[in-house]
Amino acid sequence: MRLNGCELRPGEVLKVENAYGVIKASCIGVFSDQDDPDLLPPIYPNSFVMLSPTQFAQPHVGDKIWVWLFDDNPQELYYTYRADVQPNNEGELNNEYDDVEIQMKRTDDNGEISVGYNNSDGYTINNHGSKINVDNENGDVHLSHKDGATVSISKDKISLGKDGESQYKAALGEELINVLNDIKSTFETIKNAAMGSPYTTHIGTALTPAISKLNNFDKILSEMVTLQKN
């Protein structure tokens, strides 16, 4: 392929042919947006400007593109995406960031989906308001649901719950069971001692049904969640 016979012209996706990104499109001076897309030639994703062998973005009807035309083979048609930097990225660029990288961003009926970096917030994946963020200052990891629940991971702490409201320490299941068994043993000792005297038998009688309920402590253990003690 000789690129000295190549020309780039602006166009727009009119039809997506398959899951591999083959399209039918308009192309200024070549294919009109009034043409029947079924009668237009297929245009293929331009694989020689990809950053990696697996990079791919599914095209959509209405996407703006550059169509690559070759003088020596009019049927050899490729496309790359065309976009205006300013209107598509005003939120990130009209800011005080010193360094910004936007790797992916799109908008659908539910809002914005984006993957990007800036020197203030760090690296962020955003899906309709639910986010995963790795901050720049300490490398802390923050996971937040769009409706409020969060998980924050720092060097020496994991916080479950909304930011600023996670104040209670998690209990260690096996340690908690040991403490509960000690409490149960204490009640049983009191009950046995009370049953030995007619003056305190009523205490033992009252404790018997209560102690019988203190069983199956293993049920409080999760089969999926584990915690490190320290």
Protein backbone atom coordinates (compact mmCIF):
# COMPACT_ATOMS: atom_id res chain seq x y z
CA MET A 1 0.00 0.00 0.00
CA ARG A 2 1.39 3.39 -1.02
CA LEU A 3 -0.01 6.29 0.94
CA ASN A 4 1.17 8.91 -1.55
CA GLY A 5 -2.02 8.09 -3.52
CA CYS A 6 -4.26 8.47 -0.47
CA GLU A 7 -6.84 11.17 0.16
CA LEU A 8 -8.88 11.79 3.32
CA ARG A 9 -12.40 13.19 3.04
CA PRO A 10 -14.94 13.88 5.79
CA GLY A 11 -17.99 11.63 6.01
CA GLU A 12 -20.64 10.22 8.31
CA VAL A 13 -21.71 6.67 9.18
CA LEU A 14 -25.03 5.81 7.49
CA LYS A 15 -25.23 2.11 8.32
CA VAL A 16 -23.29 -0.43 10.43
CA GLU A 17 -22.89 -3.66 8.47
CA ASN A 18 -21.56 -6.04 11.13
CA ALA A 19 -20.02 -6.41 14.60
CA TYR A 20 -16.50 -5.97 13.20
CA GLY A 21 -16.99 -2.31 12.31
CA VAL A 22 -17.68 -2.53 8.57
CA ILE A 23 -19.88 0.41 7.61
CA LYS A 24 -21.63 2.24 4.79
CA ALA A 25 -21.06 5.98 4.89
CA SER A 26 -21.35 9.30 3.14
CA CYS A 27 -18.14 10.92 1.90
CA ILE A 28 -18.04 14.50 0.64
CA GLY A 29 -17.70 14.57 -3.13
CA VAL A 30 -17.91 10.76 -3.42
CA PHE A 31 -20.93 9.28 -1.60
CA SER A 32 -23.99 11.33 -0.72
CA ASP A 33 -25.96 11.02 2.51
CA GLN A 34 -28.99 10.78 0.21
CA ASP A 35 -27.72 7.58 -1.40
CA ASP A 36 -29.23 4.21 -0.50
CA PRO A 37 -26.69 2.77 1.98
CA ASP A 38 -27.29 -0.75 0.64
CA LEU A 39 -25.91 0.39 -2.72
CA LEU A 40 -22.77 1.95 -1.29
CA PRO A 41 -19.46 0.03 -1.03
CA PRO A 42 -18.30 -1.28 2.35
CA ILE A 43 -15.78 0.81 4.30
CA TYR A 44 -13.47 -0.97 6.74
CA PRO A 45 -11.88 0.12 10.03
CA ASN A 46 -8.43 1.53 9.43
CA SER A 47 -6.16 -1.04 11.11
CA PHE A 48 -2.87 0.71 10.36
CA VAL A 49 -3.46 3.56 12.82
CA MET A 50 -4.47 1.37 15.78
CA LEU A 51 -2.55 1.72 19.06
CA SER A 52 -2.80 -2.00 19.86
CA PRO A 53 -3.92 -5.24 18.16
CA THR A 54 -7.11 -5.35 20.26
CA GLN A 55 -8.18 -1.69 20.10
CA PHE A 56 -11.71 -1.35 18.78
CA ALA A 57 -14.71 0.97 19.06
CA GLN A 58 -18.08 -0.08 17.64
CA PRO A 59 -19.26 2.56 15.13
CA HIS A 60 -22.73 4.05 15.35
CA VAL A 61 -24.97 5.67 12.78
CA GLY A 62 -24.21 9.38 12.79
CA ASP A 63 -20.56 9.07 13.85
CA LYS A 64 -18.32 11.54 12.03
CA ILE A 65 -15.43 9.89 10.19
CA TRP A 66 -12.55 10.43 7.79
CA VAL A 67 -12.80 8.21 4.72
CA TRP A 68 -9.46 7.08 3.30
CA LEU A 69 -9.52 6.89 -0.51
CA PHE A 70 -6.77 5.46 -2.72
CA ASP A 71 -6.20 6.48 -6.33
CA ASP A 72 -4.78 3.11 -7.34
CA ASN A 73 -7.75 1.13 -5.95
CA PRO A 74 -11.11 2.96 -5.63
CA GLN A 75 -12.65 -0.09 -3.90
CA GLU A 76 -10.08 0.00 -1.09
CA LEU A 77 -11.90 2.13 1.47
CA TYR A 78 -11.03 2.67 5.13
CA TYR A 79 -12.20 5.01 7.85
CA THR A 80 -11.02 6.58 11.07
CA TYR A 81 -13.07 8.60 13.53
CA ARG A 82 -13.34 12.37 13.30
CA ALA A 83 -14.34 14.57 16.22
CA ASP A 84 -14.20 18.15 17.44
CA VAL A 85 -12.05 18.30 20.57
CA GLN A 86 -13.61 21.34 22.24
CA PRO A 87 -17.39 20.69 22.29
CA ASN A 88 -16.96 17.00 23.14
CA ASN A 89 -14.62 17.56 26.08
CA GLU A 90 -15.45 20.98 27.51
CA GLY A 91 -15.97 19.65 31.04
CA GLU A 92 -12.43 18.28 31.25
CA LEU A 93 -10.60 20.92 29.22
CA ASN A 94 -12.29 24.06 30.57
CA ASN A 95 -10.78 23.41 33.97
CA GLU A 96 -7.59 24.08 35.91
CA TYR A 97 -6.00 20.68 35.23
CA ASP A 98 -2.38 20.80 34.09
CA ASP A 99 -2.57 17.36 32.49
CA VAL A 100 -5.61 15.67 30.93
CA GLU A 101 -5.98 12.41 29.01
CA ILE A 102 -9.37 11.25 27.74
CA GLN A 103 -9.25 7.65 26.58
CA MET A 104 -12.94 7.08 25.97
CA LYS A 105 -16.16 9.06 26.37
CA ARG A 106 -19.66 8.62 25.07
CA THR A 107 -23.17 9.68 26.05
CA ASP A 108 -26.36 7.67 25.87
CA ASP A 109 -29.89 8.04 27.23
CA ASN A 110 -28.67 7.24 30.77
CA GLY A 111 -25.84 9.76 30.84
CA GLU A 112 -22.09 9.75 30.34
CA ILE A 113 -19.61 6.87 30.15
CA SER A 114 -15.93 7.79 30.25
CA VAL A 115 -12.40 6.62 30.99
CA GLY A 116 -9.76 9.24 31.59
CA TYR A 117 -7.06 10.87 33.69
CA ASN A 118 -6.26 14.29 35.07
CA ASN A 119 -3.52 15.40 37.42
CA SER A 120 -6.02 16.42 40.12
CA ASP A 121 -8.39 13.45 40.37
CA GLY A 122 -6.18 10.68 38.98
CA TYR A 123 -7.53 7.86 36.83
CA THR A 124 -11.31 7.50 36.68
CA ILE A 125 -13.77 5.09 35.07
CA ASN A 126 -17.28 6.55 35.04
CA ASN A 127 -20.41 4.65 34.00
CA HIS A 128 -23.53 6.80 34.36
CA GLY A 129 -22.31 8.21 37.67
CA SER A 130 -20.96 4.98 39.18
CA LYS A 131 -17.18 5.40 39.38
CA ILE A 132 -13.87 3.68 40.02
CA ASN A 133 -11.11 6.16 40.85
CA VAL A 134 -7.41 5.77 41.66
CA ASP A 135 -6.26 9.10 43.04
CA ASN A 136 -2.95 10.76 42.32
CA GLU A 137 -1.88 11.73 45.81
CA ASN A 138 -1.67 8.38 47.59
CA GLY A 139 -2.88 5.82 45.05
CA ASP A 140 -6.07 5.34 47.07
CA VAL A 141 -8.85 3.44 45.30
CA HIS A 142 -12.47 4.63 45.50
CA LEU A 143 -15.50 2.75 44.22
CA SER A 144 -18.79 4.62 44.33
CA HIS A 145 -22.29 3.70 43.18
CA LYS A 146 -24.28 6.46 41.54
CA ASP A 147 -26.89 6.18 44.32
CA GLY A 148 -24.42 6.63 47.16
CA ALA A 149 -22.73 3.46 48.49
CA THR A 150 -18.92 3.56 48.39
CA VAL A 151 -15.80 1.47 49.04
CA SER A 152 -12.52 3.25 49.75
CA ILE A 153 -9.15 1.48 49.91
CA SER A 154 -6.07 3.25 51.27
CA LYS A 155 -2.66 2.03 52.39
CA ASP A 156 -3.86 0.79 55.77
CA LYS A 157 -7.65 0.98 55.72
CA ILE A 158 -10.72 -0.23 53.85
CA SER A 159 -13.92 1.75 54.33
CA LEU A 160 -17.37 0.39 53.41
CA GLY A 161 -20.24 2.88 53.20
CA LYS A 162 -20.73 6.48 52.17
CA ASP A 163 -17.74 8.83 52.34
CA GLY A 164 -17.38 10.32 55.80
CA GLU A 165 -20.04 8.09 57.32
CA SER A 166 -18.08 4.84 57.71
CA GLN A 167 -17.09 5.09 61.39
CA TYR A 168 -17.74 1.64 62.89
CA LYS A 169 -15.12 -1.12 62.98
CA ALA A 170 -15.97 -4.46 61.34
CA ALA A 171 -16.24 -7.54 63.59
CA LEU A 172 -14.08 -10.60 62.95
CA GLY A 173 -16.48 -13.52 62.62
CA GLU A 174 -14.46 -16.29 64.28
CA GLU A 175 -13.35 -14.00 67.11
CA LEU A 176 -16.94 -12.91 67.66
CA ILE A 177 -18.04 -16.57 67.87
CA ASN A 178 -15.37 -17.23 70.51
CA VAL A 179 -16.67 -14.33 72.58
CA LEU A 180 -20.29 -15.49 72.23
CA ASN A 181 -19.31 -19.04 73.27
CA ASP A 182 -17.60 -17.60 76.35
CA ILE A 183 -20.81 -15.71 77.20
CA LYS A 184 -22.84 -18.88 76.70
CA SER A 185 -20.44 -20.84 78.96
CA THR A 186 -20.76 -18.15 81.64
CA PHE A 187 -24.57 -18.38 81.54
CA GLU A 188 -24.38 -22.18 81.77
CA THR A 189 -22.07 -21.95 84.80
CA ILE A 190 -24.49 -19.55 86.50
CA LYS A 191 -27.43 -21.82 85.65
CA ASN A 192 -25.73 -24.93 87.05
CA ALA A 193 -24.75 -23.11 90.22
CA ALA A 194 -28.27 -21.74 90.64
CA MET A 195 -29.88 -25.16 90.22
CA GLY A 196 -27.88 -26.43 93.21
CA SER A 197 -29.86 -24.43 95.74
CA PRO A 198 -33.61 -24.25 96.26
CA TYR A 199 -33.23 -20.53 96.88
CA THR A 200 -31.79 -19.87 93.39
CA THR A 201 -33.44 -22.59 91.31
CA HIS A 202 -35.72 -20.03 89.71
CA ILE A 203 -32.64 -18.30 88.27
CA GLY A 204 -31.46 -21.53 86.62
CA THR A 205 -34.96 -22.22 85.35
CA ALA A 206 -35.14 -18.76 83.76
CA LEU A 207 -31.72 -19.14 82.11
CA THR A 208 -32.40 -22.58 80.58
CA PRO A 209 -34.57 -21.46 77.61
CA ALA A 210 -32.36 -18.42 77.02
CA ILE A 211 -29.21 -20.57 76.83
CA SER A 212 -30.88 -22.98 74.39
CA LYS A 213 -31.24 -20.10 71.94
CA LEU A 214 -27.49 -19.40 71.97
CA ASN A 215 -26.62 -22.01 69.36
CA ASN A 216 -25.56 -22.15 65.72
CA PHE A 217 -23.18 -19.21 65.97
CA ASP A 218 -21.52 -20.41 62.76
CA LYS A 219 -24.50 -19.05 60.85
CA ILE A 220 -23.15 -15.52 61.27
CA LEU A 221 -20.09 -16.36 59.14
CA SER A 222 -20.16 -15.33 55.50
CA GLU A 223 -19.22 -17.91 52.87
CA MET A 224 -17.92 -15.16 50.57
CA VAL A 225 -16.47 -12.24 52.58
CA THR A 226 -13.25 -12.49 54.59
CA LEU A 227 -11.33 -9.91 56.66
CA GLN A 228 -7.67 -9.61 57.61
CA LYS A 229 -7.23 -9.27 61.39
CA ASN A 230 -4.51 -6.62 61.28
